[in-house]
N, C-alpha and C. Protein backbone atom coordinates (compact mmCIF):
# COMPACT_ATOMS: atom_id res chain seq x y z
N MET A 1 0.84 -1.18 0.00
CA MET A 1 0.00 0.00 0.00
C MET A 1 0.89 1.25 0.00
N PRO A 2 0.65 2.18 -0.91
CA PRO A 2 1.48 3.39 -0.97
C PRO A 2 1.25 4.29 0.26
N ASP A 3 2.27 5.05 0.58
CA ASP A 3 2.18 5.97 1.70
C ASP A 3 1.57 7.27 1.21
N ASN A 4 0.40 7.61 1.71
CA ASN A 4 -0.30 8.82 1.26
C ASN A 4 0.40 10.09 1.67
N ARG A 5 1.37 10.01 2.59
CA ARG A 5 2.05 11.23 3.02
C ARG A 5 2.88 11.83 1.89
N GLU A 6 3.35 11.00 0.96
CA GLU A 6 4.06 11.58 -0.20
C GLU A 6 3.10 12.41 -1.03
N SER A 7 1.89 11.93 -1.22
CA SER A 7 0.88 12.69 -1.97
C SER A 7 0.51 13.96 -1.22
N LEU A 8 0.42 13.87 0.11
CA LEU A 8 0.13 15.04 0.92
C LEU A 8 1.22 16.09 0.74
N ALA A 9 2.46 15.69 0.75
CA ALA A 9 3.57 16.64 0.57
C ALA A 9 3.48 17.31 -0.80
N ARG A 10 3.15 16.54 -1.82
CA ARG A 10 2.99 17.11 -3.17
C ARG A 10 1.85 18.12 -3.20
N ALA A 11 0.75 17.80 -2.52
CA ALA A 11 -0.39 18.71 -2.47
C ALA A 11 -0.03 20.00 -1.73
N LEU A 12 0.75 19.88 -0.65
CA LEU A 12 1.18 21.07 0.08
C LEU A 12 2.08 21.95 -0.79
N ASP A 13 2.94 21.32 -1.58
CA ASP A 13 3.77 22.09 -2.51
C ASP A 13 2.91 22.83 -3.53
N ALA A 14 1.87 22.16 -4.01
CA ALA A 14 0.97 22.80 -4.98
C ALA A 14 0.23 23.96 -4.32
N LEU A 15 -0.21 23.77 -3.08
CA LEU A 15 -0.86 24.86 -2.35
C LEU A 15 0.09 26.04 -2.15
N ALA A 16 1.36 25.74 -1.95
CA ALA A 16 2.36 26.80 -1.80
C ALA A 16 2.42 27.65 -3.07
N ALA A 17 2.42 26.99 -4.22
CA ALA A 17 2.48 27.72 -5.49
C ALA A 17 1.21 28.54 -5.71
N VAL A 18 0.07 27.97 -5.35
CA VAL A 18 -1.20 28.69 -5.50
C VAL A 18 -1.23 29.92 -4.59
N ALA A 19 -0.79 29.75 -3.34
CA ALA A 19 -0.77 30.87 -2.41
C ALA A 19 0.16 31.98 -2.90
N GLU A 20 1.29 31.60 -3.43
CA GLU A 20 2.25 32.61 -3.95
C GLU A 20 1.61 33.36 -5.11
N THR A 21 0.99 32.64 -6.02
CA THR A 21 0.36 33.26 -7.18
C THR A 21 -0.81 34.16 -6.77
N ALA A 22 -1.51 33.76 -5.70
CA ALA A 22 -2.66 34.52 -5.22
C ALA A 22 -2.26 35.71 -4.35
N GLY A 23 -0.96 35.92 -4.17
CA GLY A 23 -0.51 37.10 -3.43
C GLY A 23 -0.32 36.89 -1.94
N ASN A 24 -0.19 35.65 -1.51
CA ASN A 24 0.04 35.37 -0.10
C ASN A 24 1.33 34.54 0.05
N PRO A 25 2.48 35.19 -0.17
CA PRO A 25 3.73 34.44 -0.16
C PRO A 25 4.08 33.85 1.21
N GLU A 26 3.65 34.48 2.29
CA GLU A 26 3.97 33.92 3.60
C GLU A 26 3.24 32.59 3.82
N LEU A 27 1.97 32.54 3.43
CA LEU A 27 1.24 31.27 3.49
C LEU A 27 1.91 30.26 2.56
N GLY A 28 2.32 30.71 1.39
CA GLY A 28 2.99 29.81 0.45
C GLY A 28 4.25 29.19 1.05
N ALA A 29 5.07 30.00 1.67
CA ALA A 29 6.30 29.48 2.27
C ALA A 29 5.97 28.56 3.44
N THR A 30 4.93 28.87 4.18
CA THR A 30 4.52 28.00 5.29
C THR A 30 4.07 26.64 4.75
N MET A 31 3.32 26.64 3.65
CA MET A 31 2.88 25.38 3.04
C MET A 31 4.06 24.60 2.47
N LEU A 32 5.01 25.32 1.86
CA LEU A 32 6.20 24.66 1.34
C LEU A 32 6.97 24.00 2.50
N GLY A 33 7.07 24.70 3.61
CA GLY A 33 7.72 24.13 4.79
C GLY A 33 6.96 22.93 5.32
N ALA A 34 5.65 22.99 5.30
CA ALA A 34 4.84 21.86 5.76
C ALA A 34 5.09 20.63 4.88
N GLY A 35 5.20 20.85 3.58
CA GLY A 35 5.52 19.75 2.68
C GLY A 35 6.89 19.16 2.99
N GLU A 36 7.85 20.02 3.28
CA GLU A 36 9.18 19.54 3.64
C GLU A 36 9.14 18.76 4.94
N GLY A 37 8.33 19.22 5.89
CA GLY A 37 8.19 18.51 7.16
C GLY A 37 7.62 17.11 6.97
N VAL A 38 6.62 17.01 6.11
CA VAL A 38 6.02 15.70 5.83
C VAL A 38 7.05 14.78 5.18
N ARG A 39 7.75 15.30 4.17
CA ARG A 39 8.77 14.47 3.50
C ARG A 39 9.85 14.03 4.48
N SER A 40 10.27 14.94 5.32
CA SER A 40 11.31 14.63 6.30
C SER A 40 10.84 13.53 7.26
N SER A 41 9.57 13.56 7.63
CA SER A 41 9.05 12.58 8.59
C SER A 41 9.04 11.16 8.02
N ILE A 42 9.04 11.04 6.70
CA ILE A 42 9.02 9.71 6.09
C ILE A 42 10.31 9.42 5.32
N GLY A 43 11.25 10.34 5.38
CA GLY A 43 12.56 10.10 4.79
C GLY A 43 12.60 10.10 3.27
N VAL A 44 11.83 10.96 2.65
CA VAL A 44 11.85 11.06 1.19
C VAL A 44 12.14 12.50 0.78
N GLY A 45 12.53 12.67 -0.46
CA GLY A 45 12.77 13.99 -1.02
C GLY A 45 11.66 14.37 -1.99
N VAL A 46 11.85 15.51 -2.60
CA VAL A 46 10.91 15.98 -3.63
C VAL A 46 11.01 15.02 -4.82
N TRP A 47 9.88 14.62 -5.35
CA TRP A 47 9.88 13.74 -6.52
C TRP A 47 10.67 14.38 -7.65
N MET A 48 11.39 13.56 -8.39
CA MET A 48 12.21 14.07 -9.48
C MET A 48 11.38 14.90 -10.46
N THR A 49 10.18 14.46 -10.75
CA THR A 49 9.33 15.18 -11.71
C THR A 49 8.84 16.52 -11.16
N ASP A 50 8.93 16.70 -9.85
CA ASP A 50 8.46 17.94 -9.21
C ASP A 50 9.59 18.90 -8.86
N ARG A 51 10.82 18.48 -9.01
CA ARG A 51 11.94 19.28 -8.50
C ARG A 51 12.04 20.67 -9.12
N VAL A 52 11.87 20.78 -10.42
CA VAL A 52 12.00 22.08 -11.08
C VAL A 52 10.93 23.04 -10.57
N SER A 53 9.68 22.59 -10.57
CA SER A 53 8.61 23.49 -10.11
C SER A 53 8.75 23.81 -8.63
N HIS A 54 9.21 22.84 -7.84
CA HIS A 54 9.42 23.07 -6.40
C HIS A 54 10.48 24.15 -6.20
N GLU A 55 11.59 24.04 -6.90
CA GLU A 55 12.67 25.02 -6.76
C GLU A 55 12.25 26.39 -7.28
N GLU A 56 11.47 26.43 -8.35
CA GLU A 56 10.98 27.71 -8.87
C GLU A 56 10.04 28.38 -7.86
N THR A 57 9.15 27.61 -7.27
CA THR A 57 8.25 28.16 -6.26
C THR A 57 9.05 28.68 -5.07
N ALA A 58 10.01 27.89 -4.60
CA ALA A 58 10.84 28.31 -3.47
C ALA A 58 11.60 29.59 -3.80
N ALA A 59 12.14 29.69 -5.00
CA ALA A 59 12.89 30.89 -5.39
C ALA A 59 11.99 32.12 -5.44
N ARG A 60 10.78 31.98 -5.99
CA ARG A 60 9.85 33.11 -6.03
C ARG A 60 9.46 33.55 -4.63
N LEU A 61 9.19 32.58 -3.77
CA LEU A 61 8.81 32.91 -2.39
C LEU A 61 9.94 33.60 -1.65
N ARG A 62 11.16 33.07 -1.80
CA ARG A 62 12.32 33.67 -1.13
C ARG A 62 12.53 35.10 -1.62
N GLU A 63 12.37 35.32 -2.92
CA GLU A 63 12.55 36.66 -3.49
C GLU A 63 11.49 37.63 -2.96
N ARG A 64 10.26 37.17 -2.89
CA ARG A 64 9.17 38.06 -2.44
C ARG A 64 9.24 38.36 -0.95
N LEU A 65 9.67 37.38 -0.16
CA LEU A 65 9.66 37.54 1.30
C LEU A 65 10.98 38.03 1.87
N GLY A 66 12.07 37.76 1.18
CA GLY A 66 13.39 38.00 1.76
C GLY A 66 13.79 36.81 2.61
N ASP A 67 15.10 36.63 2.77
CA ASP A 67 15.60 35.43 3.44
C ASP A 67 15.06 35.22 4.85
N PRO A 68 15.09 36.23 5.74
CA PRO A 68 14.66 35.97 7.12
C PRO A 68 13.19 35.54 7.22
N THR A 69 12.31 36.22 6.51
CA THR A 69 10.88 35.90 6.57
C THR A 69 10.60 34.56 5.91
N TYR A 70 11.26 34.32 4.78
CA TYR A 70 11.11 33.04 4.09
C TYR A 70 11.54 31.89 4.99
N THR A 71 12.71 32.01 5.58
CA THR A 71 13.24 30.95 6.44
C THR A 71 12.33 30.72 7.65
N ALA A 72 11.84 31.80 8.24
CA ALA A 72 10.94 31.67 9.39
C ALA A 72 9.66 30.95 9.00
N ALA A 73 9.10 31.28 7.84
CA ALA A 73 7.86 30.64 7.39
C ALA A 73 8.08 29.16 7.07
N ILE A 74 9.20 28.84 6.43
CA ILE A 74 9.54 27.44 6.14
C ILE A 74 9.66 26.66 7.46
N ASP A 75 10.38 27.23 8.41
CA ASP A 75 10.56 26.58 9.71
C ASP A 75 9.23 26.37 10.42
N ARG A 76 8.40 27.41 10.39
CA ARG A 76 7.08 27.32 11.02
C ARG A 76 6.27 26.20 10.37
N GLY A 77 6.25 26.17 9.05
CA GLY A 77 5.49 25.16 8.32
C GLY A 77 5.99 23.74 8.57
N SER A 78 7.30 23.59 8.67
CA SER A 78 7.84 22.24 8.84
C SER A 78 7.50 21.65 10.20
N GLY A 79 7.12 22.49 11.15
CA GLY A 79 6.76 22.00 12.48
C GLY A 79 5.27 21.83 12.71
N LEU A 80 4.47 22.12 11.70
CA LEU A 80 3.02 22.02 11.87
C LEU A 80 2.54 20.57 11.85
N THR A 81 1.51 20.30 12.64
CA THR A 81 0.83 19.01 12.55
C THR A 81 -0.15 19.08 11.38
N LEU A 82 -0.65 17.93 10.97
CA LEU A 82 -1.62 17.90 9.88
C LEU A 82 -2.86 18.73 10.24
N ASP A 83 -3.33 18.61 11.47
CA ASP A 83 -4.49 19.40 11.89
C ASP A 83 -4.22 20.89 11.80
N GLU A 84 -3.02 21.31 12.18
CA GLU A 84 -2.65 22.73 12.10
C GLU A 84 -2.58 23.20 10.65
N VAL A 85 -2.09 22.35 9.76
CA VAL A 85 -2.03 22.70 8.34
C VAL A 85 -3.45 22.88 7.82
N LEU A 86 -4.32 21.94 8.13
CA LEU A 86 -5.71 22.03 7.66
C LEU A 86 -6.40 23.27 8.20
N GLU A 87 -6.14 23.60 9.45
CA GLU A 87 -6.71 24.80 10.04
C GLU A 87 -6.21 26.06 9.35
N LEU A 88 -4.94 26.10 9.08
CA LEU A 88 -4.33 27.26 8.42
C LEU A 88 -4.88 27.45 7.02
N VAL A 89 -4.99 26.37 6.28
CA VAL A 89 -5.49 26.45 4.90
C VAL A 89 -6.97 26.83 4.89
N SER A 90 -7.75 26.27 5.79
CA SER A 90 -9.18 26.56 5.79
C SER A 90 -9.49 27.96 6.32
N ALA A 91 -8.58 28.53 7.11
CA ALA A 91 -8.81 29.88 7.64
C ALA A 91 -8.55 30.93 6.58
N ASP A 92 -7.77 30.59 5.57
CA ASP A 92 -7.41 31.56 4.55
C ASP A 92 -8.24 31.38 3.36
């Protein structure tokens, strides 16, 4: 049976890109961090087919937010529980 957490991480990365495009880069970086947290918890990296878009999203977010804010949002996102991620996404 496949581990759905990999799919969850991919969905969080997609939400990060949507949030960035919609003008909410801090939420985007938080979602990107949440995806990284999920991947880290199961010991996997970004899928090869997703690497270019993942890096492009990360670069746009870092540029829009600046390093300190970007890093803080990534760190915050990587420590969120699934319930906290769902709450954050549904509140926005």
